[in-house]
Amino acid sequence: MRIIAGKYRGRNLNSPASLATRPTSDRLRETLFNILAPKIAETRFLDLCAGSGAVGIEALSRGAAHVTFVDSSPKMTTLIKSNLALCGVTQDESRVVTGDVLKFLRKESAASDGAWDIIFFDPPYADDYADVLGALGDFTAGLLATDGIVIVEHHHKKQLSERSGTLERYRVLKQGESSLSFYRKATE
């Protein structure tokens, strides 16, 4: 895995030792950030089920102001920290949290100390996405900036709901075996 563009361009990241973790491919990350390019500068970015941290580090490389990485595995958060150090990312630019995504979302929505501009959620494809997507839809007010977006990576055959709480899906992008579903606050 490598960083594709920006200030960390070309840096090779450490990969998970286990095949149980499926990192977002370089090609899909490139497509994602081509879409996000006009919005990424100075954003607050949340990387849920962050794995190696490649998506969040790509966001920092392309100009995000701050990224919070959340993963339930201590091994993965150690890997994220090593990849951040490899790129020279400062603690002012990043936060790494080891813990359950739902518990993290509940705690953060109650704290209301600032909303994220972009939330990226990439759980293992076999997981049930409904609980976290539901929480994101229910806690949107405290978690997502007014014009913020939620992006969910999933297997192309997995059908996600068109609407979840206050979130509505407005775009699906399929690439190979993966798809990205884009959500924003519902206009109604």
Protein backbone atom coordinates (compact mmCIF):
# COMPACT_ATOMS: atom_id res chain seq x y z
CA MET A 1 0.00 0.00 0.00
CA ARG A 2 1.19 3.45 -0.83
CA ILE A 3 -0.01 7.02 -0.53
CA ILE A 4 -1.17 8.11 -3.98
CA ALA A 5 -1.03 11.92 -3.94
CA GLY A 6 -0.31 14.96 -1.83
CA LYS A 7 2.45 15.73 0.62
CA TYR A 8 3.03 12.04 1.53
CA ARG A 9 2.84 10.85 -2.08
CA GLY A 10 4.74 7.66 -2.80
CA ARG A 11 5.21 6.65 0.85
CA ASN A 12 4.78 2.92 1.33
CA LEU A 13 2.68 2.01 4.34
CA ASN A 14 2.98 -1.03 6.54
CA SER A 15 0.27 -3.57 5.73
CA PRO A 16 -1.73 -5.75 8.10
CA ALA A 17 -0.06 -9.12 8.67
CA SER A 18 -3.38 -10.95 8.56
CA LEU A 19 -5.51 -11.55 5.51
CA ALA A 20 -8.53 -11.01 7.78
CA THR A 21 -8.10 -7.26 7.24
CA ARG A 22 -9.03 -6.04 3.76
CA PRO A 23 -7.42 -2.67 3.05
CA THR A 24 -9.09 -0.30 0.60
CA SER A 25 -7.27 -0.80 -2.69
CA ASP A 26 -5.01 1.92 -4.11
CA ARG A 27 -7.31 2.15 -7.13
CA LEU A 28 -10.48 2.62 -5.06
CA ARG A 29 -8.73 5.16 -2.80
CA GLU A 30 -7.63 7.10 -5.87
CA THR A 31 -11.20 7.12 -7.22
CA LEU A 32 -12.58 8.17 -3.82
CA PHE A 33 -10.16 11.06 -3.46
CA ASN A 34 -10.69 12.21 -7.03
CA ILE A 35 -14.34 12.64 -6.04
CA LEU A 36 -13.46 14.30 -2.72
CA ALA A 37 -10.74 16.58 -4.17
CA PRO A 38 -12.82 19.80 -4.15
CA LYS A 39 -13.93 19.17 -0.53
CA ILE A 40 -10.89 17.71 1.24
CA ALA A 41 -8.83 20.82 2.10
CA GLU A 42 -8.98 21.75 5.79
CA THR A 43 -11.65 19.14 6.60
CA ARG A 44 -12.15 17.11 9.76
CA PHE A 45 -12.15 13.48 8.61
CA LEU A 46 -13.34 10.43 10.59
CA ASP A 47 -12.03 7.01 9.50
CA LEU A 48 -14.16 4.26 11.09
CA CYS A 49 -12.86 0.66 11.03
CA ALA A 50 -9.62 2.28 9.91
CA GLY A 51 -7.50 -0.87 9.53
CA SER A 52 -4.05 0.28 8.37
CA GLY A 53 -5.10 3.93 8.32
CA ALA A 54 -4.41 4.26 4.58
CA VAL A 55 -7.66 6.15 3.80
CA GLY A 56 -7.22 8.64 6.63
CA ILE A 57 -3.53 9.16 5.87
CA GLU A 58 -4.44 9.76 2.21
CA ALA A 59 -6.91 12.41 3.44
CA LEU A 60 -4.15 14.10 5.48
CA SER A 61 -1.78 13.88 2.53
CA ARG A 62 -4.32 15.68 0.36
CA GLY A 63 -4.99 18.50 2.80
CA ALA A 64 -7.39 17.38 5.54
CA ALA A 65 -6.76 19.38 8.72
CA HIS A 66 -7.39 16.50 11.14
CA VAL A 67 -8.21 12.79 10.98
CA THR A 68 -9.59 10.62 13.77
CA PHE A 69 -8.91 6.92 13.24
CA VAL A 70 -11.12 4.37 15.04
CA ASP A 71 -10.58 0.60 15.04
CA SER A 72 -11.58 -2.09 17.53
CA SER A 73 -8.31 -4.00 17.16
CA PRO A 74 -5.30 -2.92 19.25
CA LYS A 75 -3.07 -4.50 16.57
CA MET A 76 -4.62 -2.28 13.90
CA THR A 77 -4.36 0.90 15.97
CA THR A 78 -0.69 0.08 16.63
CA LEU A 79 -0.27 -0.33 12.85
CA ILE A 80 -2.02 3.02 12.25
CA LYS A 81 0.31 4.74 14.72
CA SER A 82 3.36 3.24 12.99
CA ASN A 83 2.08 4.40 9.58
CA LEU A 84 1.43 7.90 10.94
CA ALA A 85 4.99 7.98 12.31
CA LEU A 86 6.33 6.72 8.98
CA CYS A 87 4.71 9.71 7.26
CA GLY A 88 5.67 12.20 9.96
CA VAL A 89 2.06 13.04 10.87
CA THR A 90 1.84 15.09 14.07
CA GLN A 91 -0.49 14.51 17.02
CA ASP A 92 -2.16 17.84 16.23
CA GLU A 93 -3.27 16.36 12.88
CA SER A 94 -4.48 12.99 14.11
CA ARG A 95 -6.11 10.99 16.88
CA VAL A 96 -6.13 7.19 17.11
CA VAL A 97 -8.86 5.47 19.11
CA THR A 98 -8.99 1.77 19.99
CA GLY A 99 -12.57 0.79 20.62
CA ASP A 100 -15.99 -0.23 19.41
CA VAL A 101 -17.31 2.03 16.65
CA LEU A 102 -20.86 2.24 18.05
CA LYS A 103 -19.64 3.17 21.53
CA PHE A 104 -17.33 5.77 20.01
CA LEU A 105 -20.18 7.32 17.98
CA ARG A 106 -22.48 7.47 21.02
CA LYS A 107 -19.80 9.12 23.13
CA GLU A 108 -18.82 11.62 20.42
CA SER A 109 -22.41 12.59 19.62
CA ALA A 110 -23.00 13.34 23.31
CA ALA A 111 -19.78 15.37 23.56
CA SER A 112 -20.75 17.58 20.60
CA ASP A 113 -17.32 19.20 20.49
CA GLY A 114 -17.36 19.54 16.72
CA ALA A 115 -18.70 17.77 13.70
CA TRP A 116 -16.78 15.92 11.01
CA ASP A 117 -16.91 17.06 7.42
CA ILE A 118 -16.31 13.57 6.02
CA ILE A 119 -16.97 10.23 7.71
CA PHE A 120 -15.57 7.12 6.01
CA PHE A 121 -16.87 3.74 7.24
CA ASP A 122 -15.23 0.54 5.96
CA PRO A 123 -16.11 -2.47 8.11
CA PRO A 124 -15.34 -6.07 7.21
CA TYR A 125 -17.64 -6.97 4.32
CA ALA A 126 -19.23 -9.80 6.34
CA ASP A 127 -20.37 -7.40 9.10
CA ASP A 128 -23.88 -6.05 9.46
CA TYR A 129 -23.67 -2.37 8.49
CA ALA A 130 -27.17 -1.47 9.72
CA ASP A 131 -26.29 -0.68 13.36
CA VAL A 132 -23.47 1.73 12.57
CA LEU A 133 -25.27 3.28 9.60
CA GLY A 134 -28.33 3.68 11.84
CA ALA A 135 -26.24 5.32 14.55
CA LEU A 136 -24.69 7.67 12.01
CA GLY A 137 -28.19 8.58 10.81
CA ASP A 138 -29.51 9.05 14.35
CA PHE A 139 -26.53 11.00 15.68
CA THR A 140 -25.98 13.09 12.56
CA ALA A 141 -26.61 16.41 14.32
CA GLY A 142 -23.66 15.93 16.67
CA LEU A 143 -21.38 14.09 14.27
CA LEU A 144 -21.71 15.53 10.77
CA ALA A 145 -21.14 19.10 9.60
CA THR A 146 -24.06 20.78 7.85
CA ASP A 147 -22.74 19.96 4.38
CA GLY A 148 -20.83 16.87 5.50
CA ILE A 149 -20.90 13.46 3.86
CA VAL A 150 -20.74 9.84 5.00
CA ILE A 151 -19.09 7.31 2.70
CA VAL A 152 -19.55 3.59 3.24
CA GLU A 153 -17.35 1.03 1.50
CA HIS A 154 -19.08 -2.31 0.98
CA HIS A 155 -19.16 -5.37 -1.25
CA HIS A 156 -20.97 -4.50 -4.48
CA LYS A 157 -23.60 -7.20 -3.83
CA LYS A 158 -24.45 -5.88 -0.36
CA GLN A 159 -27.52 -3.68 -0.51
CA LEU A 160 -27.49 -0.74 1.87
CA SER A 161 -30.59 1.26 2.71
CA GLU A 162 -31.39 4.38 0.72
CA ARG A 163 -32.15 6.23 3.92
CA SER A 164 -30.94 5.85 7.48
CA GLY A 165 -32.30 8.26 10.06
CA THR A 166 -31.45 11.74 8.83
CA LEU A 167 -29.10 10.44 6.12
CA GLU A 168 -30.04 9.77 2.51
CA ARG A 169 -27.93 8.05 -0.10
CA TYR A 170 -27.27 10.18 -3.16
CA ARG A 171 -24.63 8.21 -5.03
CA VAL A 172 -23.25 4.69 -5.43
CA LEU A 173 -19.96 4.04 -7.16
CA LYS A 174 -19.00 0.46 -8.07
CA GLN A 175 -15.42 -0.53 -8.78
CA GLY A 176 -14.51 -4.20 -9.06
CA GLU A 177 -15.90 -6.13 -6.08
CA SER A 178 -16.31 -2.95 -4.01
CA SER A 179 -18.82 -0.14 -3.92
CA LEU A 180 -18.89 3.23 -2.23
CA SER A 181 -22.24 4.57 -1.04
CA PHE A 182 -22.36 8.33 -0.42
CA TYR A 183 -24.78 9.77 2.12
CA ARG A 184 -25.66 13.31 3.20
CA LYS A 185 -28.24 14.89 5.47
CA ALA A 186 -31.71 14.49 4.01
CA THR A 187 -33.19 17.63 2.51
CA GLU A 188 -36.69 16.93 3.86
